[in-house]
Structures are given as C-alpha cells and as structure tokens.
Amino acid sequence: MNKIKQASLMTAIKTPYLPNRKFDLEAFDKLVELQIKSGVQGLIVGGTTGEGQLMGWDEHIMLIAHCVHKYSDQLVIVGNTGSNNTYEAHRATEQGFAVGMDAALQINPYYGKTSSKGNIAHFQKLLDLGPGIIYNVPGRTGQDIEPEIIELLAQNKNLVGIKECMGLDRIKHYETQGIACWSGNDDLSHDCRHLGKSHGVISVASNVIPKTMRILMDSPQSELDKQLKTFFDWLFCEPNPIPLNTIMPMLGLSKPIFRLPYVPLDENQRAEGLKIFKDLNLDELNTDIQNLSDDQYICL
C-alpha cells in the first residue's frame, strides 16, 4: 500500500497496435522503458488512455500480466479491471491479482448507473479482493461519486485512494482527511500537487513528456505549468485518447494505427499539435517530429 501511495507520477499508458490489430508489444516495451528512464513510478494498464474499453478481457489480463512479468520490480502496476457490470469487474479483478498486479483501478457503473447504495455495494465487493484505486470521472460515467461515498469506503483497509477529476477543492478536501488522491487532469495536476497536497497525478501527457511531468510533480513550477497549458488543451481537444494516439506516431513512439471508433485528428489539428509541441522545446525525445498525412493512418 505504501509503495503505491509513494508513486507521485503514474502514466495511463498507451497501448500501441500492429497492422493485424494485435498489440505491438515491442513498441509498448520501448514506451515503458522511456517511462522508467524518465522517473515515472507506476503504470495504469488498460485504462481509458490504454483503450481497455476496446479490449477483450483476455487481452486485458494478458497485458497486465506482461507488465507484471517485465516491470513489477521497477514500477507499480495498476490494472484497470473496472466495469459497469459488478460481476465482470469482480472476475477481472480476481484475474488481475492472480497475475500479480499491485492494485486495481475501479470505476463506478456508467451508462446504466446505479444508486448511492448500489455504488457502495459495487466498490465494497471489489475492494474486498485487494488494493484498489477508485476513479471518479463524471464526464465519462455521467455520475459523480460524492464525498460521502468515498469517506465511507475509506474505512475499507484496501482503499488505496482516489483518481479524482473534480479538481483542486475536492482533492484538498480528501487529502485533509488522509484519503490519498491523484489528479486525473494533467492541466490541474501541478496546482493539485503543490496547493492541494495531492499524492500526484495519473497522467496522459507523461506518455510523451514524462521528464517534464516528473519536474512538475517534484517541485512548484508555475511558469513551466503555464507553458504547458496550450499543449494540455490540445491533448484534450477531442476525447482522450484521440489526440495522444495522433501525436505518438508523429513522435516515433507507435505505429499510426487506430482501433475504431477512434480516428485521428484532422490535418489542421495535427499541424497545430506539431507546432505546439515543437514550440515547447522540451528536452524529452531524441527523435525528429514529423507530420503524417491522412493516408498514413490506419483505422481498424
């Protein structure tokens, strides 16, 4: 539990693909090694950014097992085994712990939703299996997990903490009660860390700027945070992970392959992102940054 809580920078790691639609584990491993080299302390495997929503459970558990086998001595491995179906989440979480993950990322039931009592029952059943981080992202689930629910669940010894997307005040509220929080928003992560005393960030941006996100978490860096705002805005100009998936092949970090329903940003958006990234002039990647044409992206 302490090992997980000490991870102030965890990357919601991207899952790259091959032209046959299978995982590109060679590219994945290179991306993970970049994270380790840059000071990232943990991975969220098969989360929204990693497109767990587009995976079968067999793929999901295989990727968690791969990360445990190769990187558990260097990184905290958090498997996204959440679902809006409590039975499915329970089964996947059992399997995730069986292959050795450190903790599970759990989400409240989305789309169909449930009552407050139903959310409590859902999370309690899953937390009974082992350490868990609850993910609160109303923009995707359509339902906020109210503080009263989290405060009740905090009595469960297996609650590691919260990935919280409701901003500084909510995070500050939890942290003053001793409930560990990670910001789920890159653009708010600096202030949540240094003003709200969050435990850190679960980051999308650290897929491509891990060194910079490490600096942002380690000490107050207001000017750097301001410089990054335009990039953060661009990175979420369409639903995550579309912009990330678009720029990673431009940086040579993955092949330009999408699983539908995700499709790349259009030509103007790509050019804008390229300029923003170049203008940051960060000491991050030893690679040429190249724009790609529409026909170079493959959607499967």
Protein backbone atom coordinates (compact mmCIF):
# COMPACT_ATOMS: atom_id res chain seq x y z
CA MET A 1 0.00 0.00 0.00
CA ASN A 2 2.79 2.44 0.90
CA LYS A 3 4.64 1.64 -2.32
CA ILE A 4 1.58 2.63 -4.33
CA LYS A 5 0.98 5.82 -2.35
CA GLN A 6 4.59 6.91 -2.90
CA ALA A 7 4.09 6.89 -6.69
CA SER A 8 3.52 10.57 -7.40
CA LEU A 9 3.73 10.12 -11.19
CA MET A 10 1.84 7.25 -12.78
CA THR A 11 1.27 7.06 -16.51
CA ALA A 12 -2.02 5.97 -18.02
CA ILE A 13 -0.01 4.03 -20.57
CA LYS A 14 -0.95 3.94 -24.26
CA THR A 15 -1.49 0.57 -25.94
CA PRO A 16 0.14 0.54 -29.42
CA TYR A 17 -1.11 -1.73 -32.21
CA LEU A 18 0.19 -3.71 -35.16
CA PRO A 19 -1.47 -3.74 -38.63
CA ASN A 20 -3.14 -7.06 -37.70
CA ARG A 21 -4.90 -5.24 -34.81
CA LYS A 22 -2.89 -7.08 -32.16
CA PHE A 23 -0.78 -5.35 -29.52
CA ASP A 24 2.60 -4.03 -30.59
CA LEU A 25 4.49 -5.26 -27.54
CA GLU A 26 7.84 -4.12 -28.92
CA ALA A 27 6.61 -0.52 -29.12
CA PHE A 28 4.84 -0.91 -25.78
CA ASP A 29 8.03 -2.04 -24.04
CA LYS A 30 10.04 0.82 -25.53
CA LEU A 31 7.39 3.24 -24.26
CA VAL A 32 7.50 1.70 -20.77
CA GLU A 33 11.30 1.84 -20.73
CA LEU A 34 11.08 5.56 -21.60
CA GLN A 35 8.77 5.98 -18.59
CA ILE A 36 11.20 4.23 -16.26
CA LYS A 37 14.16 6.22 -17.55
CA SER A 38 12.23 9.47 -17.01
CA GLY A 39 11.25 8.82 -13.39
CA VAL A 40 7.70 7.53 -13.75
CA GLN A 41 6.84 5.30 -10.80
CA GLY A 42 3.71 3.48 -11.92
CA LEU A 43 1.51 2.42 -14.83
CA ILE A 44 -2.23 2.26 -15.27
CA VAL A 45 -2.61 -0.66 -17.68
CA GLY A 46 -5.64 -0.89 -19.94
CA GLY A 47 -7.25 2.31 -18.69
CA THR A 48 -9.15 4.76 -20.88
CA THR A 49 -5.88 6.01 -22.41
CA GLY A 50 -4.73 2.41 -22.91
CA GLU A 51 -8.10 1.65 -24.52
CA GLY A 52 -9.19 -1.08 -22.15
CA GLN A 53 -12.71 -0.28 -23.35
CA LEU A 54 -11.71 -1.66 -26.77
CA MET A 55 -10.13 -4.86 -25.41
CA GLY A 56 -11.49 -8.28 -24.68
CA TRP A 57 -10.84 -9.41 -21.10
CA ASP A 58 -8.29 -11.94 -22.33
CA GLU A 59 -6.28 -9.11 -23.92
CA HIS A 60 -6.72 -7.01 -20.82
CA ILE A 61 -5.36 -9.62 -18.41
CA MET A 62 -2.57 -10.62 -20.79
CA LEU A 63 -1.29 -7.03 -20.93
CA ILE A 64 -1.43 -6.69 -17.14
CA ALA A 65 0.47 -10.00 -16.81
CA HIS A 66 3.06 -8.81 -19.34
CA CYS A 67 3.67 -5.64 -17.31
CA VAL A 68 3.92 -7.56 -14.04
CA HIS A 69 6.35 -10.06 -15.53
CA LYS A 70 8.65 -7.44 -17.04
CA TYR A 71 8.34 -4.35 -14.85
CA SER A 72 6.91 -5.07 -11.39
CA ASP A 73 10.38 -4.72 -9.83
CA GLN A 74 10.62 -1.16 -11.19
CA LEU A 75 7.04 0.15 -11.38
CA VAL A 76 3.76 -0.03 -9.53
CA ILE A 77 1.37 -1.96 -11.80
CA VAL A 78 -2.25 -0.88 -11.52
CA GLY A 79 -4.60 -2.86 -13.72
CA ASN A 80 -7.83 -1.28 -14.90
CA THR A 81 -10.28 -4.07 -14.13
CA GLY A 82 -13.33 -1.86 -13.63
CA SER A 83 -16.65 -2.33 -15.38
CA ASN A 84 -20.25 -1.20 -15.13
CA ASN A 85 -21.03 -4.87 -14.57
CA THR A 86 -20.03 -5.75 -11.00
CA TYR A 87 -19.70 -9.46 -11.82
CA GLU A 88 -17.36 -8.74 -14.75
CA ALA A 89 -15.28 -6.34 -12.67
CA HIS A 90 -15.06 -8.89 -9.86
CA ARG A 91 -13.91 -11.66 -12.21
CA ALA A 92 -11.38 -9.41 -13.98
CA THR A 93 -10.03 -8.10 -10.65
CA GLU A 94 -9.57 -11.66 -9.37
CA GLN A 95 -7.61 -12.47 -12.54
CA GLY A 96 -5.56 -9.28 -12.29
CA PHE A 97 -4.47 -10.09 -8.76
CA ALA A 98 -3.80 -13.71 -9.80
CA VAL A 99 -1.25 -12.47 -12.37
CA GLY A 100 0.37 -10.18 -9.81
CA MET A 101 -0.88 -6.59 -10.24
CA ASP A 102 -0.32 -4.29 -7.26
CA ALA A 103 -3.75 -2.66 -7.32
CA ALA A 104 -6.93 -2.40 -9.35
CA LEU A 105 -8.42 0.74 -10.85
CA GLN A 106 -12.18 0.67 -10.29
CA ILE A 107 -14.87 2.88 -11.80
CA ASN A 108 -18.46 3.47 -10.77
CA PRO A 109 -21.06 1.81 -13.03
CA TYR A 110 -21.53 4.03 -16.08
CA TYR A 111 -24.32 4.34 -18.67
CA GLY A 112 -26.92 2.35 -16.70
CA LYS A 113 -25.62 3.93 -13.46
CA THR A 114 -26.93 2.98 -10.04
CA SER A 115 -27.95 4.47 -6.69
CA SER A 116 -25.56 5.65 -3.99
CA LYS A 117 -26.19 2.39 -2.12
CA GLY A 118 -25.51 0.48 -5.31
CA ASN A 119 -22.19 2.29 -5.84
CA ILE A 120 -21.15 1.49 -2.27
CA ALA A 121 -22.05 -2.18 -2.68
CA HIS A 122 -20.23 -2.30 -6.04
CA PHE A 123 -16.99 -0.85 -4.66
CA GLN A 124 -17.08 -2.80 -1.39
CA LYS A 125 -17.36 -6.09 -3.28
CA LEU A 126 -14.35 -5.19 -5.43
CA LEU A 127 -12.23 -3.71 -2.63
CA ASP A 128 -12.65 -6.94 -0.67
CA LEU A 129 -10.43 -8.60 -3.31
CA GLY A 130 -7.38 -6.38 -2.71
CA PRO A 131 -5.93 -2.87 -3.01
CA GLY A 132 -7.96 -0.55 -5.21
CA ILE A 133 -7.93 2.99 -6.55
CA ILE A 134 -11.38 4.43 -7.27
CA TYR A 135 -11.64 6.53 -10.42
CA ASN A 136 -14.10 9.43 -10.35
CA VAL A 137 -14.65 10.90 -13.82
CA PRO A 138 -18.24 12.18 -14.17
CA GLY A 139 -17.53 13.39 -17.73
CA ARG A 140 -17.35 9.74 -18.79
CA THR A 141 -19.63 7.98 -16.31
CA GLY A 142 -22.34 10.63 -16.09
CA GLN A 143 -22.32 10.35 -12.29
CA ASP A 144 -20.17 11.99 -9.64
CA ILE A 145 -19.01 9.80 -6.76
CA GLU A 146 -19.96 12.05 -3.88
CA PRO A 147 -17.52 12.63 -0.99
CA GLU A 148 -19.93 10.88 1.42
CA ILE A 149 -19.44 7.66 -0.56
CA ILE A 150 -15.66 7.95 -0.65
CA GLU A 151 -15.48 8.77 3.06
CA LEU A 152 -17.48 5.64 3.86
CA LEU A 153 -15.35 3.48 1.54
CA ALA A 154 -12.19 4.89 3.13
CA GLN A 155 -12.97 2.67 6.11
CA ASN A 156 -12.09 -0.32 3.92
CA LYS A 157 -8.45 -1.22 4.51
CA ASN A 158 -7.97 -1.96 0.81
CA LEU A 159 -8.85 1.51 -0.45
CA VAL A 160 -5.54 2.95 -1.66
CA GLY A 161 -7.03 6.25 -2.77
CA ILE A 162 -8.87 8.14 -5.49
CA LYS A 163 -8.08 9.18 -9.04
CA GLU A 164 -10.12 12.38 -8.91
CA CYS A 165 -11.19 14.54 -11.86
CA MET A 166 -13.28 17.07 -9.93
CA GLY A 167 -10.44 19.49 -9.29
CA LEU A 168 -8.41 21.18 -6.59
CA ASP A 169 -11.05 21.74 -3.91
CA ARG A 170 -12.25 18.12 -3.98
CA ILE A 171 -8.70 16.80 -3.80
CA LYS A 172 -7.78 19.19 -0.99
CA HIS A 173 -10.88 18.02 0.91
CA TYR A 174 -9.87 14.36 0.70
CA GLU A 175 -6.20 14.91 1.46
CA THR A 176 -7.00 16.82 4.66
CA GLN A 177 -8.87 13.69 5.78
CA GLY A 178 -5.94 11.41 4.98
CA ILE A 179 -7.51 9.97 1.81
CA ALA A 180 -4.85 9.70 -0.91
CA CYS A 181 -5.68 11.45 -4.18
CA TRP A 182 -4.12 11.55 -7.61
CA SER A 183 -5.25 14.21 -10.06
CA GLY A 184 -6.90 12.78 -13.15
CA ASN A 185 -6.36 16.03 -15.06
CA ASP A 186 -2.93 16.94 -16.44
CA ASP A 187 -3.82 20.62 -16.67
CA LEU A 188 -4.71 20.78 -12.95
CA SER A 189 -2.07 18.38 -11.70
CA HIS A 190 0.55 20.98 -10.73
CA ASP A 191 -1.80 23.00 -8.53
CA CYS A 192 -3.41 19.88 -7.10
CA ARG A 193 0.03 18.61 -6.13
CA HIS A 194 1.51 21.79 -4.68
CA LEU A 195 -1.59 23.62 -3.44
CA GLY A 196 -3.95 20.72 -2.76
CA LYS A 197 -1.19 18.41 -1.47
CA SER A 198 -2.29 15.58 -3.74
CA HIS A 199 -0.27 12.39 -3.86
CA GLY A 200 0.42 13.12 -7.53
CA VAL A 201 -1.07 12.60 -10.97
CA ILE A 202 -2.22 9.75 -13.16
CA SER A 203 -1.12 11.31 -16.39
CA VAL A 204 -1.90 11.07 -20.08
CA ALA A 205 0.72 13.65 -21.07
CA SER A 206 3.53 11.62 -19.47
CA ASN A 207 3.28 9.16 -22.35
CA VAL A 208 5.11 11.79 -24.42
CA ILE A 209 6.59 14.23 -21.87
CA PRO A 210 7.46 12.05 -18.86
CA LYS A 211 10.55 14.04 -17.83
CA THR A 212 8.56 17.27 -17.80
CA MET A 213 5.72 15.75 -15.79
CA ARG A 214 8.30 14.45 -13.33
CA ILE A 215 9.62 18.00 -12.86
CA LEU A 216 6.07 19.31 -12.46
CA MET A 217 5.36 16.84 -9.65
CA ASP A 218 8.67 17.24 -7.81
CA SER A 219 8.55 20.95 -7.01
CA PRO A 220 6.45 24.08 -7.65
CA GLN A 221 6.94 25.08 -11.29
CA SER A 222 4.31 27.72 -12.03
CA GLU A 223 5.99 29.09 -15.15
CA LEU A 224 6.50 25.64 -16.65
CA ASP A 225 2.90 24.77 -15.84
CA LYS A 226 1.75 27.89 -17.73
CA GLN A 227 3.95 26.99 -20.70
CA LEU A 228 2.36 23.56 -20.87
CA LYS A 229 -1.24 24.80 -20.82
CA THR A 230 -1.57 25.08 -24.61
CA PHE A 231 -0.24 21.55 -25.06
CA PHE A 232 -2.57 20.19 -22.37
CA ASP A 233 -5.50 21.92 -24.08
CA TRP A 234 -4.55 20.42 -27.43
CA LEU A 235 -4.07 16.97 -25.90
CA PHE A 236 -7.75 17.02 -24.91
CA CYS A 237 -9.18 18.94 -27.90
CA GLU A 238 -11.07 15.72 -28.72
CA PRO A 239 -11.92 12.90 -26.31
CA ASN A 240 -8.85 11.16 -24.90
CA PRO A 241 -7.04 9.16 -26.30
CA ILE A 242 -7.60 10.55 -29.82
CA PRO A 243 -5.02 13.40 -29.73
CA LEU A 244 -2.46 11.22 -27.92
CA ASN A 245 -2.92 8.43 -30.46
CA THR A 246 -2.48 11.01 -33.23
CA ILE A 247 0.75 12.55 -31.95
CA MET A 248 2.55 9.41 -30.81
CA PRO A 249 3.27 8.17 -34.36
CA MET A 250 4.43 11.71 -35.21
CA LEU A 251 6.99 11.31 -32.40
CA GLY A 252 8.02 7.83 -33.50
CA LEU A 253 6.56 6.19 -30.37
CA SER A 254 3.98 3.97 -32.07
CA LYS A 255 2.70 2.93 -35.45
CA PRO A 256 -0.12 5.12 -36.87
CA ILE A 257 -2.80 2.54 -36.18
CA PHE A 258 -6.15 3.18 -34.51
CA ARG A 259 -8.77 0.79 -33.24
CA LEU A 260 -12.21 2.10 -34.17
CA PRO A 261 -14.24 4.01 -33.12
CA TYR A 262 -11.19 6.24 -32.57
CA VAL A 263 -9.92 8.07 -35.65
CA PRO A 264 -7.01 10.54 -35.95
CA LEU A 265 -7.29 14.29 -35.69
CA ASP A 266 -7.67 16.13 -38.98
CA GLU A 267 -4.81 17.75 -40.88
CA ASN A 268 -5.23 21.20 -39.32
CA GLN A 269 -5.37 19.80 -35.79
CA ARG A 270 -2.28 17.69 -36.42
CA ALA A 271 -0.34 20.69 -37.71
CA GLU A 272 -1.42 22.71 -34.68
CA GLY A 273 -0.29 19.98 -32.27
CA LEU A 274 3.03 19.63 -34.06
CA LYS A 275 3.71 23.35 -33.76
CA ILE A 276 2.70 23.47 -30.09
CA PHE A 277 4.95 20.54 -29.24
CA LYS A 278 7.92 21.96 -31.15
CA ASP A 279 7.46 25.40 -29.58
CA LEU A 280 7.71 23.89 -26.09
CA ASN A 281 11.30 22.97 -26.96
CA LEU A 282 11.46 20.36 -24.21
CA ASP A 283 14.41 18.08 -23.59
CA GLU A 284 12.32 14.94 -23.93
CA LEU A 285 12.64 12.80 -27.04
CA ASN A 286 15.67 12.20 -29.21
CA THR A 287 13.67 11.97 -32.39
CA ASP A 288 12.56 14.06 -35.33
CA ILE A 289 8.94 15.14 -35.16
CA GLN A 290 7.12 14.63 -38.43
CA ASN A 291 3.57 15.30 -39.53
CA LEU A 292 1.72 12.46 -41.18
CA SER A 293 -0.81 12.51 -43.99
CA ASP A 294 -4.33 11.12 -43.72
CA ASP A 295 -3.47 8.04 -45.74
CA GLN A 296 -0.64 7.11 -43.37
CA TYR A 297 -3.08 6.49 -40.52
CA ILE A 298 -4.84 3.13 -40.46
CA CYS A 299 -8.17 2.62 -38.68
CA LEU A 300 -9.14 -0.98 -37.96
